[in-house]
Amino acid sequence: MRQFVCGLGLLTLGVTNGVFAQTTTPNPVLRELISQETLLPVSPTLPIVAREPGPVPTNGTTAVTPSTPILREWLHADALTPVPPSLAVAPEPIGLPTIEVVRSTPETKPELPSATTIAATPVPPKLPAPDVRLEVKPTLIVPTNPEQITIERTQPITLAEALELAEINSRELKEAKLQLERSRAVLLEAKAALNPTVGAQLEYTFQDSPLARSLSSPTPYSQPFNGSVGINYNIFTNGRVEADIRAAENTVRLREAEVSRVRQNIRLNVISAYYRLQNADEQVRIRKKSVENNLRSLQDTQALERAGVGTKFDVLQAEVQLADAQQALQQALGEQYNSRRNLARLLEFPPTVDLSAADPIVQVKDWELSLEDTIITAFRNRIELDSTRLQKLIAQERARSVQAQLGPQVSLFANYGFADNFSQPGGIGLGYSLGARLNLSLYDGGVAQARLSQTAADQALADNLFQQQINQIRFEVEQAFSNLQSNRQQIATAEKAVQSAAEALRLARLRLSAGVGTQLEVIRTEEDLVRAEVNKLRAIINFNQAIADLQRATNSI
């Protein structure tokens, strides 16, 4: 029979004549406070869920509404303590509960508290503290309210600031640095094989010998107790330890090269995203200007129609042109929004802040090297080629380590120990041992040969990858160099086209005002001006992008 203290009084559980019985001694104080109480079974792995309480008090105290779930408390099976009535609600069948604490005053509305507010909420005195706390790391928390992801402001940012933030916040770069730290720890482990190892051992055994009992021995029990301290030092490993150290050192260099490669890729991605944002911002400016020009043309055409020198057909053409310009503006605004969010994603900016390009669109410094010199520089500086060479060296060192394991291994050892038997008279005996050990693998079932085949395949893969990278690097350089030359010519042509289109639009409007031109001429010249400005903008952006691609190809971005 067991007794538990619960909210209703004293609960007695027992078995009488093979029948389970349960009795409850009521608590007179609680009987006056609540009308009914139902104890729910407590599971060691499931949280306690309470039922729906009575009416919400109106005396200004804090209460939980009937439709609001409460915080679950994890309890042991023996701690059979019910949830207080003031916190009881109906159980939820599916999903995690949302927490909502409400002040019962009429002028206060229910609010969804934050994690800090929930943690600061006082626990009722009758509710025991939980034995297990479930804490969620900040990196695993996702926004739950629209206010947490609503864009509140736009932050201008320069390209230099974006590059700096990208290196600080990049998850990929952090992962590469962690891999580098891990490889350094592996190198320390490999170097530790050059040091002697020291170990200690204690052993106690209690043995009841059946043979001793059959012989009617007065001491059938045996209680040996012994221990030892030993040192072991490998004086000759046939080059295995040295090969492992060289492989670990090359792995560290490989991880360092990987960090540099990731940093170069991140900088190129940020530069490309920033150029796309600049292009989108300028496209919006050009489209807004186009809408203003078309609106002005529409107003002029309507004025000419009212004066009797224009036609309804000209007005309709101007309206269609204005609608097309407005549609192009909306498309440019959508591209601008996407470009801003993409840059914010790369920089891992807060979700409530939008980004805009603070740097103006200007043509960067031209590339000074020739195509041939650029290709040679790329072959000399690219991290990917160094990484492939290191991968081949690592495979070679691993092959040497496998071969060394087949040779003789010589080590020295020294042990100092004691022994005693508690079941026999006498004391503790001390002793030591010194010696040398020679190990030689005669047959390992083909394991070493299989490992050598693996390392040979790794070397062949590295050779194949190296040639692929050579071809890819040359293609990247040639493609970027070709784009650079093409856009350099397009910039010069587009600048002349913008000047000519602007002058043609001015003359077309003068001709329309004088009555010797048509609205169609104005519309065509406006389209020519917008097209020329877009072409110039695209040429400058593509020129800058080609410079960034060449810098990435030569590992100098």
Protein backbone atom coordinates (compact mmCIF):
# COMPACT_ATOMS: atom_id res chain seq x y z
CA MET A 1 0.00 0.00 0.00
CA ARG A 2 1.31 3.42 -0.94
CA GLN A 3 0.13 6.92 -0.03
CA PHE A 4 0.54 10.14 -2.02
CA VAL A 5 -0.15 13.73 -1.11
CA CYS A 6 -2.26 15.38 -3.80
CA GLY A 7 -4.29 18.52 -4.21
CA LEU A 8 -7.44 16.83 -2.81
CA GLY A 9 -5.84 15.43 0.31
CA LEU A 10 -4.34 11.99 1.00
CA LEU A 11 -4.54 9.38 -1.80
CA THR A 12 -4.20 5.71 -0.71
CA LEU A 13 -3.52 2.94 -3.25
CA GLY A 14 -3.41 -0.78 -2.34
CA VAL A 15 -4.54 -4.31 -3.06
CA THR A 16 -7.05 -6.00 -0.76
CA ASN A 17 -7.91 -9.69 -1.31
CA GLY A 18 -6.48 -9.50 -4.81
CA VAL A 19 -8.62 -6.43 -5.66
CA PHE A 20 -7.11 -3.04 -6.35
CA ALA A 21 -8.54 -0.35 -4.07
CA GLN A 22 -8.20 3.43 -4.08
CA THR A 23 -9.36 5.77 -1.32
CA THR A 24 -9.03 9.51 -0.96
CA THR A 25 -9.13 11.49 2.25
CA PRO A 26 -10.57 14.88 1.23
CA ASN A 27 -8.85 18.13 2.02
CA PRO A 28 -11.50 20.44 3.54
CA VAL A 29 -9.64 23.59 2.57
CA LEU A 30 -9.40 22.69 -1.10
CA ARG A 31 -13.00 21.45 -1.11
CA GLU A 32 -14.07 24.98 -0.37
CA LEU A 33 -11.93 26.41 -3.16
CA ILE A 34 -12.85 24.11 -6.03
CA SER A 35 -15.98 22.28 -7.00
CA GLN A 36 -14.38 19.24 -8.54
CA GLU A 37 -10.91 17.83 -9.18
CA THR A 38 -9.85 15.02 -11.48
CA LEU A 39 -6.44 13.48 -11.13
CA LEU A 40 -4.83 12.62 -14.45
CA PRO A 41 -2.30 9.78 -14.63
CA VAL A 42 1.29 10.94 -14.73
CA SER A 43 3.73 9.31 -17.14
CA PRO A 44 7.48 9.55 -16.75
CA THR A 45 7.77 10.58 -20.39
CA LEU A 46 4.52 12.46 -21.06
CA PRO A 47 3.68 15.94 -19.70
CA ILE A 48 0.74 16.51 -17.35
CA VAL A 49 -2.24 18.06 -19.13
CA ALA A 50 -4.98 19.69 -17.08
CA ARG A 51 -8.65 20.10 -17.88
CA GLU A 52 -10.84 23.15 -18.42
CA PRO A 53 -11.05 25.42 -15.38
CA GLY A 54 -13.93 27.41 -14.07
CA PRO A 55 -14.72 31.03 -14.87
CA VAL A 56 -11.89 33.55 -15.16
CA PRO A 57 -11.52 35.53 -11.91
CA THR A 58 -12.30 39.21 -12.02
CA ASN A 59 -10.30 40.43 -9.04
CA GLY A 60 -7.32 41.59 -11.15
CA THR A 61 -5.21 38.46 -10.66
CA THR A 62 -3.40 36.65 -13.46
CA ALA A 63 -5.28 33.70 -14.91
CA VAL A 64 -5.28 31.47 -17.94
CA THR A 65 -8.27 31.55 -20.28
CA PRO A 66 -10.14 28.28 -20.89
CA SER A 67 -8.95 28.13 -24.51
CA THR A 68 -5.33 28.81 -23.66
CA PRO A 69 -2.89 25.86 -23.23
CA ILE A 70 -0.44 26.02 -20.36
CA LEU A 71 3.19 25.16 -19.97
CA ARG A 72 3.67 21.43 -19.47
CA GLU A 73 5.82 20.35 -16.54
CA TRP A 74 7.82 17.14 -16.75
CA LEU A 75 7.50 15.06 -13.57
CA HIS A 76 8.65 11.67 -12.37
CA ALA A 77 6.10 8.89 -11.99
CA ASP A 78 6.43 8.89 -8.19
CA ALA A 79 5.72 12.61 -7.93
CA LEU A 80 1.95 12.23 -8.25
CA THR A 81 1.03 15.87 -7.86
CA PRO A 82 -1.89 17.33 -9.86
CA VAL A 83 -1.83 20.61 -11.70
CA PRO A 84 -3.41 23.42 -9.64
CA PRO A 85 -6.99 24.21 -10.64
CA SER A 86 -6.15 27.80 -11.58
CA LEU A 87 -3.87 26.54 -14.37
CA ALA A 88 -6.01 23.67 -15.67
CA VAL A 89 -7.14 23.61 -19.32
CA ALA A 90 -8.37 21.05 -21.81
CA PRO A 91 -5.66 18.89 -23.43
CA GLU A 92 -4.55 19.48 -26.98
CA PRO A 93 -4.74 16.46 -29.25
CA ILE A 94 -2.06 17.43 -31.79
CA GLY A 95 0.96 19.73 -31.98
CA LEU A 96 2.89 21.84 -29.56
CA PRO A 97 0.88 24.36 -27.52
CA THR A 98 1.05 28.10 -27.83
CA ILE A 99 1.26 30.00 -24.57
CA GLU A 100 -1.01 32.92 -23.83
CA VAL A 101 -1.16 34.64 -20.44
CA VAL A 102 -4.07 37.06 -19.98
CA ARG A 103 -4.82 39.75 -17.46
CA SER A 104 -8.44 39.50 -16.44
CA THR A 105 -9.02 43.26 -16.30
CA PRO A 106 -11.52 44.38 -18.95
CA GLU A 107 -9.20 46.93 -20.61
CA THR A 108 -6.33 44.45 -21.23
CA LYS A 109 -6.34 42.19 -24.29
CA PRO A 110 -4.70 38.77 -24.45
CA GLU A 111 -1.12 38.85 -25.72
CA LEU A 112 1.28 36.21 -26.95
CA PRO A 113 4.32 36.64 -24.67
CA SER A 114 7.87 36.24 -25.79
CA ALA A 115 10.25 33.59 -24.51
CA THR A 116 11.65 36.08 -22.00
CA THR A 117 8.18 36.88 -20.64
CA ILE A 118 7.33 33.20 -20.31
CA ALA A 119 10.57 32.50 -18.44
CA ALA A 120 9.86 35.39 -16.06
CA THR A 121 6.30 34.24 -15.28
CA PRO A 122 6.17 33.11 -11.61
CA VAL A 123 5.39 29.44 -11.00
CA PRO A 124 2.50 28.74 -8.60
CA PRO A 125 3.71 27.52 -5.21
CA LYS A 126 1.94 24.13 -5.44
CA LEU A 127 3.51 23.26 -8.83
CA PRO A 128 6.90 21.51 -8.30
CA ALA A 129 9.95 22.58 -10.29
CA PRO A 130 10.58 20.45 -13.39
CA ASP A 131 13.30 17.85 -13.22
CA VAL A 132 14.20 18.27 -16.92
CA ARG A 133 14.48 21.59 -18.77
CA LEU A 134 14.08 21.64 -22.51
CA GLU A 135 16.13 24.52 -23.85
CA VAL A 136 16.13 25.46 -27.53
CA LYS A 137 19.24 27.10 -28.92
CA PRO A 138 18.73 30.50 -30.58
CA THR A 139 19.96 29.11 -33.90
CA LEU A 140 17.01 26.69 -33.97
CA ILE A 141 14.33 29.33 -33.40
CA VAL A 142 12.26 30.44 -36.39
CA PRO A 143 10.08 33.57 -36.55
CA THR A 144 6.49 32.99 -35.46
CA ASN A 145 4.99 36.49 -35.78
CA PRO A 146 4.62 38.59 -38.95
CA GLU A 147 6.21 41.50 -37.09
CA GLN A 148 9.45 39.53 -36.86
CA ILE A 149 9.87 39.34 -40.64
CA THR A 150 8.24 42.59 -41.74
CA ILE A 151 10.72 44.88 -43.49
CA GLU A 152 10.92 48.06 -41.45
CA ARG A 153 13.67 50.03 -43.16
CA THR A 154 16.10 50.04 -46.06
CA GLN A 155 19.81 50.20 -45.30
CA PRO A 156 22.20 51.51 -47.99
CA ILE A 157 25.40 49.48 -48.15
CA THR A 158 28.63 49.81 -50.10
CA LEU A 159 30.38 47.01 -51.89
CA ALA A 160 33.30 47.07 -49.44
CA GLU A 161 30.92 46.77 -46.48
CA ALA A 162 29.08 43.91 -48.16
CA LEU A 163 32.32 42.00 -48.73
CA GLU A 164 33.37 42.48 -45.12
CA LEU A 165 30.02 41.33 -43.77
CA ALA A 166 29.99 38.32 -46.07
CA GLU A 167 33.29 37.02 -44.70
CA ILE A 168 32.06 37.52 -41.14
CA ASN A 169 28.61 35.95 -41.50
CA SER A 170 29.15 33.28 -44.15
CA ARG A 171 28.15 29.82 -42.90
CA GLU A 172 30.12 28.13 -45.65
CA LEU A 173 33.31 29.96 -44.67
CA LYS A 174 32.76 29.08 -41.01
CA GLU A 175 32.38 25.43 -41.94
CA ALA A 176 35.62 25.53 -43.95
CA LYS A 177 37.45 27.07 -40.99
CA LEU A 178 36.07 24.41 -38.66
CA GLN A 179 37.32 21.74 -41.05
CA LEU A 180 40.73 23.42 -40.92
CA GLU A 181 40.76 23.30 -37.12
CA ARG A 182 39.79 19.65 -37.22
CA SER A 183 42.63 18.82 -39.62
CA ARG A 184 45.08 20.56 -37.29
CA ALA A 185 43.86 18.38 -34.44
CA VAL A 186 44.40 15.31 -36.64
CA LEU A 187 47.97 16.50 -37.26
CA LEU A 188 48.57 16.73 -33.51
CA GLU A 189 47.22 13.21 -33.16
CA ALA A 190 49.62 11.95 -35.83
CA LYS A 191 52.60 13.66 -34.16
CA ALA A 192 51.61 12.18 -30.81
CA ALA A 193 52.60 8.75 -32.16
CA LEU A 194 56.26 9.82 -31.80
CA ASN A 195 55.87 10.07 -28.03
CA PRO A 196 55.95 7.19 -25.55
CA THR A 197 52.70 6.01 -24.02
CA VAL A 198 52.13 5.34 -20.32
CA GLY A 199 49.33 3.19 -18.93
CA ALA A 200 48.18 1.82 -15.58
CA GLN A 201 46.04 -1.20 -14.73
CA LEU A 202 44.34 -2.50 -11.57
CA GLU A 203 42.53 -5.83 -11.33
CA TYR A 204 40.62 -7.53 -8.49
CA THR A 205 38.96 -10.95 -8.81
CA PHE A 206 36.87 -12.97 -6.39
CA GLN A 207 36.76 -16.65 -7.32
CA ASP A 208 35.00 -19.57 -5.63
CA SER A 209 36.77 -22.63 -7.00
CA PRO A 210 34.63 -25.79 -7.35
CA LEU A 211 37.80 -27.88 -7.60
CA ALA A 212 39.04 -26.58 -4.24
CA ARG A 213 35.69 -27.41 -2.64
CA SER A 214 35.73 -30.95 -4.05
CA LEU A 215 39.13 -31.42 -2.43
CA SER A 216 37.81 -30.02 0.87
CA SER A 217 40.31 -27.19 0.76
CA PRO A 218 40.15 -24.94 3.83
CA THR A 219 40.37 -21.89 1.57
CA PRO A 220 38.21 -22.45 -1.50
CA TYR A 221 38.04 -18.71 -2.10
CA SER A 222 40.65 -16.81 -4.07
CA GLN A 223 40.88 -13.00 -4.13
CA PRO A 224 43.83 -11.94 -6.29
CA PHE A 225 44.52 -8.23 -6.50
CA ASN A 226 47.23 -6.87 -8.80
CA GLY A 227 48.21 -3.75 -10.68
CA SER A 228 50.92 -2.42 -12.94
CA VAL A 229 52.25 0.74 -14.55
CA GLY A 230 53.86 0.43 -17.94
CA ILE A 231 55.57 2.58 -20.55
CA ASN A 232 55.83 1.73 -24.23
CA TYR A 233 57.89 3.48 -26.89
CA ASN A 234 58.01 2.71 -30.60
CA ILE A 235 61.63 3.08 -31.69
CA PHE A 236 61.13 1.85 -35.27
CA THR A 237 57.89 1.88 -37.27
CA ASN A 238 59.35 1.39 -40.77
CA GLY A 239 58.28 4.95 -41.70
CA ARG A 240 54.60 4.49 -40.85
CA VAL A 241 54.37 7.34 -38.31
CA GLU A 242 56.35 9.72 -40.52
CA ALA A 243 54.06 8.96 -43.49
CA ASP A 244 50.98 9.60 -41.35
CA ILE A 245 52.42 12.93 -40.19
CA ARG A 246 53.18 14.03 -43.75
CA ALA A 247 49.66 13.04 -44.83
CA ALA A 248 48.17 15.05 -41.95
CA GLU A 249 50.34 18.07 -42.81
CA ASN A 250 49.18 17.95 -46.42
CA THR A 251 45.60 17.67 -45.20
CA VAL A 252 46.07 20.86 -43.20
CA ARG A 253 47.41 22.59 -46.33
CA LEU A 254 44.45 21.23 -48.26
CA ARG A 255 42.01 22.69 -45.74
CA GLU A 256 43.82 26.02 -45.84
CA ALA A 257 43.47 26.03 -49.61
CA GLU A 258 39.78 25.17 -49.22
CA VAL A 259 39.29 28.15 -46.91
CA SER A 260 40.89 30.40 -49.53
CA ARG A 261 38.73 28.92 -52.29
CA VAL A 262 35.54 29.39 -50.31
CA ARG A 263 36.50 32.97 -49.50
CA GLN A 264 37.13 33.71 -53.19
CA ASN A 265 33.78 32.21 -54.20
CA ILE A 266 31.95 34.13 -51.51
CA ARG A 267 33.49 37.42 -52.62
CA LEU A 268 32.60 36.70 -56.25
CA ASN A 269 29.01 35.82 -55.33
CA VAL A 270 28.61 38.99 -53.27
CA ILE A 271 30.13 41.16 -56.01
CA SER A 272 27.83 39.60 -58.61
CA ALA A 273 24.79 40.08 -56.36
CA TYR A 274 25.78 43.68 -55.68
CA TYR A 275 26.16 44.40 -59.41
CA ARG A 276 22.73 42.87 -60.04
CA LEU A 277 21.31 45.12 -57.34
CA GLN A 278 22.95 48.16 -58.91
CA ASN A 279 21.51 47.15 -62.25
CA ALA A 280 18.04 46.71 -60.74
CA ASP A 281 18.18 50.08 -58.97
CA GLU A 282 19.24 51.83 -62.15
CA GLN A 283 16.59 50.01 -64.16
CA VAL A 284 13.96 51.35 -61.76
CA ARG A 285 15.33 54.87 -62.18
CA ILE A 286 15.27 54.57 -65.98
CA ARG A 287 11.76 53.13 -66.01
CA LYS A 288 10.49 55.86 -63.70
CA LYS A 289 11.99 58.44 -66.01
CA SER A 290 10.35 56.70 -68.96
CA VAL A 291 6.97 56.84 -67.22
CA GLU A 292 7.43 60.56 -66.56
CA ASN A 293 8.37 61.19 -70.21
CA ASN A 294 5.41 59.20 -71.50
CA LEU A 295 3.07 60.99 -69.11
CA ARG A 296 4.38 64.31 -70.38
CA SER A 297 3.87 63.18 -73.97
CA LEU A 298 0.30 62.13 -73.16
CA GLN A 299 -0.44 65.50 -71.61
CA ASP A 300 1.02 67.31 -74.64
CA THR A 301 -1.04 65.14 -76.99
CA GLN A 302 -4.22 65.78 -75.05
CA ALA A 303 -3.52 69.51 -75.13
CA LEU A 304 -3.05 69.39 -78.90
CA GLU A 305 -6.32 67.49 -79.25
CA ARG A 306 -8.17 70.09 -77.22
CA ALA A 307 -6.60 72.81 -79.38
CA GLY A 308 -7.86 71.10 -82.52
CA VAL A 309 -4.46 70.34 -84.00
CA GLY A 310 -4.21 66.76 -82.67
CA THR A 311 -6.15 63.59 -83.18
CA LYS A 312 -7.74 61.01 -80.93
CA PHE A 313 -5.48 58.39 -82.50
CA ASP A 314 -2.39 60.21 -81.19
CA VAL A 315 -3.90 60.30 -77.70
CA LEU A 316 -4.59 56.56 -77.78
CA GLN A 317 -1.04 55.86 -78.90
CA ALA A 318 0.31 57.95 -76.02
CA GLU A 319 -1.91 56.11 -73.53
CA VAL A 320 -0.71 52.73 -74.78
CA GLN A 321 2.89 53.91 -74.57
CA LEU A 322 2.34 55.11 -70.99
CA ALA A 323 0.77 51.77 -70.00
CA ASP A 324 3.74 49.88 -71.45
CA ALA A 325 6.16 52.10 -69.53
CA GLN A 326 4.24 51.54 -66.29
CA GLN A 327 4.28 47.79 -66.83
CA ALA A 328 8.04 47.85 -67.43
CA LEU A 329 8.41 49.87 -64.22
CA GLN A 330 6.51 47.27 -62.20
CA GLN A 331 8.71 44.52 -63.61
CA ALA A 332 11.83 46.51 -62.71
CA LEU A 333 10.52 47.02 -59.16
CA GLY A 334 10.01 43.27 -58.80
CA GLU A 335 13.55 42.57 -59.97
CA GLN A 336 14.85 45.21 -57.58
CA TYR A 337 13.08 43.57 -54.64
CA ASN A 338 14.44 40.14 -55.55
CA SER A 339 17.97 41.51 -55.93
CA ARG A 340 17.79 43.19 -52.52
CA ARG A 341 16.57 40.08 -50.77
CA ASN A 342 19.19 37.95 -52.50
CA LEU A 343 21.98 40.22 -51.26
CA ALA A 344 20.48 40.24 -47.76
CA ARG A 345 20.41 36.43 -47.87
CA LEU A 346 24.08 36.22 -48.81
CA LEU A 347 25.05 38.64 -46.05
CA GLU A 348 22.61 37.04 -43.55
CA PHE A 349 21.12 40.40 -42.67
CA PRO A 350 18.23 40.64 -40.19
CA PRO A 351 14.89 39.84 -41.85
CA THR A 352 13.46 43.26 -40.93
CA VAL A 353 16.13 45.21 -42.85
CA ASP A 354 16.25 45.63 -46.60
CA LEU A 355 19.39 46.59 -48.52
CA SER A 356 20.09 49.05 -51.29
CA ALA A 357 23.26 49.81 -53.23
CA ALA A 358 25.05 52.90 -51.94
CA ASP A 359 27.81 52.89 -54.57
CA PRO A 360 27.06 54.56 -57.91
CA ILE A 361 27.47 52.60 -61.11
CA VAL A 362 30.88 53.47 -62.50
CA GLN A 363 33.21 51.64 -64.82
CA VAL A 364 35.98 49.96 -62.85
CA LYS A 365 39.64 49.94 -63.82
CA ASP A 366 40.37 48.07 -67.03
CA TRP A 367 42.25 44.78 -67.14
CA GLU A 368 45.92 45.27 -67.98
CA LEU A 369 47.11 41.74 -68.80
CA SER A 370 46.81 40.08 -72.16
CA LEU A 371 44.82 36.91 -72.66
CA GLU A 372 47.91 34.67 -72.66
CA ASP A 373 49.37 36.28 -69.55
CA THR A 374 46.02 36.00 -67.79
CA ILE A 375 45.80 32.27 -68.54
CA ILE A 376 49.33 31.65 -67.26
CA THR A 377 48.61 33.71 -64.13
CA ALA A 378 45.45 31.72 -63.52
CA PHE A 379 47.33 28.42 -63.84
CA ARG A 380 49.90 29.65 -61.36
CA ASN A 381 47.51 31.09 -58.74
CA ARG A 382 44.40 28.95 -58.76
CA ILE A 383 43.78 27.24 -55.43
CA GLU A 384 41.91 24.38 -57.06
CA LEU A 385 45.07 23.13 -58.78
CA ASP A 386 47.02 23.24 -55.53
CA SER A 387 44.24 21.33 -53.80
CA THR A 388 44.33 18.58 -56.41
CA ARG A 389 48.11 18.28 -56.08
CA LEU A 390 47.74 17.99 -52.31
CA GLN A 391 45.11 15.29 -52.71
CA LYS A 392 47.53 13.24 -54.78
CA LEU A 393 50.32 13.73 -52.22
CA ILE A 394 47.98 12.64 -49.42
CA ALA A 395 47.13 9.47 -51.34
CA GLN A 396 50.84 8.76 -51.85
CA GLU A 397 51.63 9.19 -48.15
CA ARG A 398 48.77 6.91 -47.20
CA ALA A 399 50.16 4.28 -49.56
CA ARG A 400 53.55 4.56 -47.84
CA SER A 401 51.86 4.18 -44.46
CA VAL A 402 50.11 0.99 -45.60
CA GLN A 403 53.35 -0.43 -46.97
CA ALA A 404 55.16 0.42 -43.73
CA GLN A 405 52.64 -1.57 -41.73
CA LEU A 406 53.80 -4.71 -43.56
CA GLY A 407 57.37 -4.21 -42.35
CA PRO A 408 58.86 -4.87 -38.90
CA GLN A 409 57.76 -2.72 -35.94
CA VAL A 410 60.12 -2.48 -32.96
CA SER A 411 59.18 -1.05 -29.57
CA LEU A 412 60.59 -0.94 -26.03
CA PHE A 413 58.53 -1.49 -22.91
CA ALA A 414 58.98 -1.27 -19.13
CA ASN A 415 56.44 -2.39 -16.53
CA TYR A 416 56.37 -2.09 -12.74
CA GLY A 417 53.62 -3.90 -10.81
CA PHE A 418 52.42 -5.45 -7.61
CA ALA A 419 50.32 -8.53 -6.70
CA ASP A 420 48.52 -9.82 -3.63
CA ASN A 421 45.93 -12.45 -2.72
CA PHE A 422 43.60 -11.52 0.11
CA SER A 423 42.67 -15.17 0.70
CA GLN A 424 46.21 -16.31 1.38
CA PRO A 425 48.74 -15.25 4.00
CA GLY A 426 51.58 -13.03 3.00
CA GLY A 427 51.94 -9.48 1.78
CA ILE A 428 52.14 -7.49 -1.41
CA GLY A 429 54.74 -8.55 -3.93
CA LEU A 430 56.50 -6.00 -6.14
CA GLY A 431 58.27 -6.55 -9.43
CA TYR A 432 59.21 -5.05 -12.78
CA SER A 433 59.97 -6.07 -16.33
CA LEU A 434 62.00 -4.58 -19.18
CA GLY A 435 62.12 -5.70 -22.78
CA ALA A 436 61.82 -5.13 -26.49
CA ARG A 437 59.08 -6.24 -28.82
CA LEU A 438 59.23 -7.01 -32.54
CA ASN A 439 56.02 -7.19 -34.57
CA LEU A 440 55.89 -8.40 -38.15
CA SER A 441 52.77 -8.96 -40.20
CA LEU A 442 53.12 -12.18 -42.14
CA TYR A 443 49.65 -12.36 -43.66
CA ASP A 444 46.71 -9.96 -43.21
CA GLY A 445 44.22 -11.60 -45.55
CA GLY A 446 44.75 -9.03 -48.34
CA VAL A 447 43.79 -5.93 -46.35
CA ALA A 448 46.99 -4.05 -47.14
CA GLN A 449 46.75 -4.82 -50.84
CA ALA A 450 43.15 -3.56 -50.95
CA ARG A 451 44.18 -0.33 -49.24
CA LEU A 452 47.02 0.14 -51.72
CA SER A 453 44.55 -0.27 -54.56
CA GLN A 454 42.38 2.43 -53.00
CA THR A 455 45.27 4.88 -52.76
CA ALA A 456 46.25 4.13 -56.37
CA ALA A 457 42.70 4.91 -57.47
CA ASP A 458 42.78 8.16 -55.46
CA GLN A 459 45.96 9.21 -57.28
CA ALA A 460 44.41 8.44 -60.65
CA LEU A 461 41.31 10.46 -59.73
CA ALA A 462 43.49 13.40 -58.75
CA ASP A 463 45.32 13.26 -62.08
CA ASN A 464 42.04 13.19 -63.98
CA LEU A 465 40.57 16.03 -61.94
CA PHE A 466 43.72 18.13 -62.45
CA GLN A 467 43.36 17.97 -66.23
CA GLN A 468 39.67 18.85 -66.01
CA GLN A 469 40.47 21.87 -63.86
CA ILE A 470 43.12 23.02 -66.33
CA ASN A 471 40.58 23.03 -69.15
CA GLN A 472 37.90 24.66 -67.00
CA ILE A 473 40.21 27.45 -65.81
CA ARG A 474 41.30 28.27 -69.33
CA PHE A 475 37.69 28.38 -70.51
CA GLU A 476 36.71 30.70 -67.62
CA VAL A 477 39.54 33.08 -68.45
CA GLU A 478 38.76 33.10 -72.18
CA GLN A 479 35.06 33.62 -71.56
CA ALA A 480 35.61 36.49 -69.12
CA PHE A 481 38.21 38.08 -71.41
CA SER A 482 35.84 37.88 -74.38
CA ASN A 483 33.02 39.45 -72.37
CA LEU A 484 35.37 42.19 -71.24
CA GLN A 485 36.33 43.15 -74.78
CA SER A 486 32.75 43.01 -76.01
CA ASN A 487 31.38 45.18 -73.21
CA ARG A 488 34.23 47.65 -73.55
CA GLN A 489 33.11 48.33 -77.12
CA GLN A 490 29.45 48.37 -76.12
CA ILE A 491 30.06 51.07 -73.52
CA ALA A 492 31.58 53.41 -76.09
CA THR A 493 28.75 52.72 -78.55
CA ALA A 494 26.02 53.09 -75.92
CA GLU A 495 27.33 56.45 -74.71
CA LYS A 496 27.05 57.87 -78.23
CA ALA A 497 23.61 56.30 -78.64
CA VAL A 498 22.34 57.91 -75.40
CA GLN A 499 23.53 61.35 -76.52
CA SER A 500 21.97 60.97 -79.96
CA ALA A 501 18.68 59.62 -78.58
CA ALA A 502 18.37 62.45 -76.06
CA GLU A 503 18.93 65.06 -78.77
CA ALA A 504 16.49 63.29 -81.12
CA LEU A 505 13.80 63.30 -78.40
CA ARG A 506 14.29 67.01 -77.81
CA LEU A 507 13.91 67.74 -81.52
CA ALA A 508 10.89 65.47 -81.87
CA ARG A 509 9.06 67.31 -79.12
CA LEU A 510 9.91 70.67 -80.69
CA ARG A 511 8.57 69.42 -84.02
CA LEU A 512 5.39 68.21 -82.35
CA SER A 513 4.91 71.55 -80.59
CA ALA A 514 5.44 73.39 -83.88
CA GLY A 515 2.91 71.20 -85.64
CA VAL A 516 5.35 69.74 -88.11
CA GLY A 517 5.96 66.47 -86.25
CA THR A 518 3.81 63.61 -85.10
CA GLN A 519 3.24 61.87 -81.83
CA LEU A 520 4.59 58.67 -83.36
CA GLU A 521 7.99 60.32 -83.79
CA VAL A 522 8.04 61.31 -80.13
CA ILE A 523 7.09 57.78 -79.02
CA ARG A 524 9.81 56.20 -81.14
CA THR A 525 12.50 58.57 -79.91
CA GLU A 526 11.45 57.97 -76.30
CA GLU A 527 11.78 54.23 -76.85
CA ASP A 528 15.19 54.78 -78.45
CA LEU A 529 16.38 56.80 -75.45
CA VAL A 530 15.23 54.21 -72.93
CA ARG A 531 16.80 51.43 -74.97
CA ALA A 532 20.09 53.32 -75.24
CA GLU A 533 20.22 54.01 -71.51
CA VAL A 534 19.47 50.39 -70.69
CA ASN A 535 22.15 49.21 -73.12
CA LYS A 536 24.71 51.53 -71.58
CA LEU A 537 23.82 50.39 -68.08
CA ARG A 538 23.98 46.73 -69.05
CA ALA A 539 27.34 47.22 -70.78
CA ILE A 540 28.90 48.86 -67.69
CA ILE A 541 27.55 46.20 -65.33
CA ASN A 542 28.71 43.38 -67.60
CA PHE A 543 32.12 45.04 -67.94
CA ASN A 544 32.52 45.21 -64.18
CA GLN A 545 31.32 41.61 -63.87
CA ALA A 546 33.90 40.48 -66.44
CA ILE A 547 36.64 42.18 -64.40
CA ALA A 548 35.42 40.35 -61.28
CA ASP A 549 35.40 37.04 -63.18
CA LEU A 550 38.98 37.60 -64.34
CA GLN A 551 40.04 38.42 -60.80
CA ARG A 552 38.41 35.23 -59.57
CA ALA A 553 40.04 33.22 -62.37
CA THR A 554 43.46 34.49 -61.26
CA ASN A 555 42.65 34.09 -57.54
CA SER A 556 43.07 37.84 -56.91
CA ILE A 557 39.54 39.00 -56.15
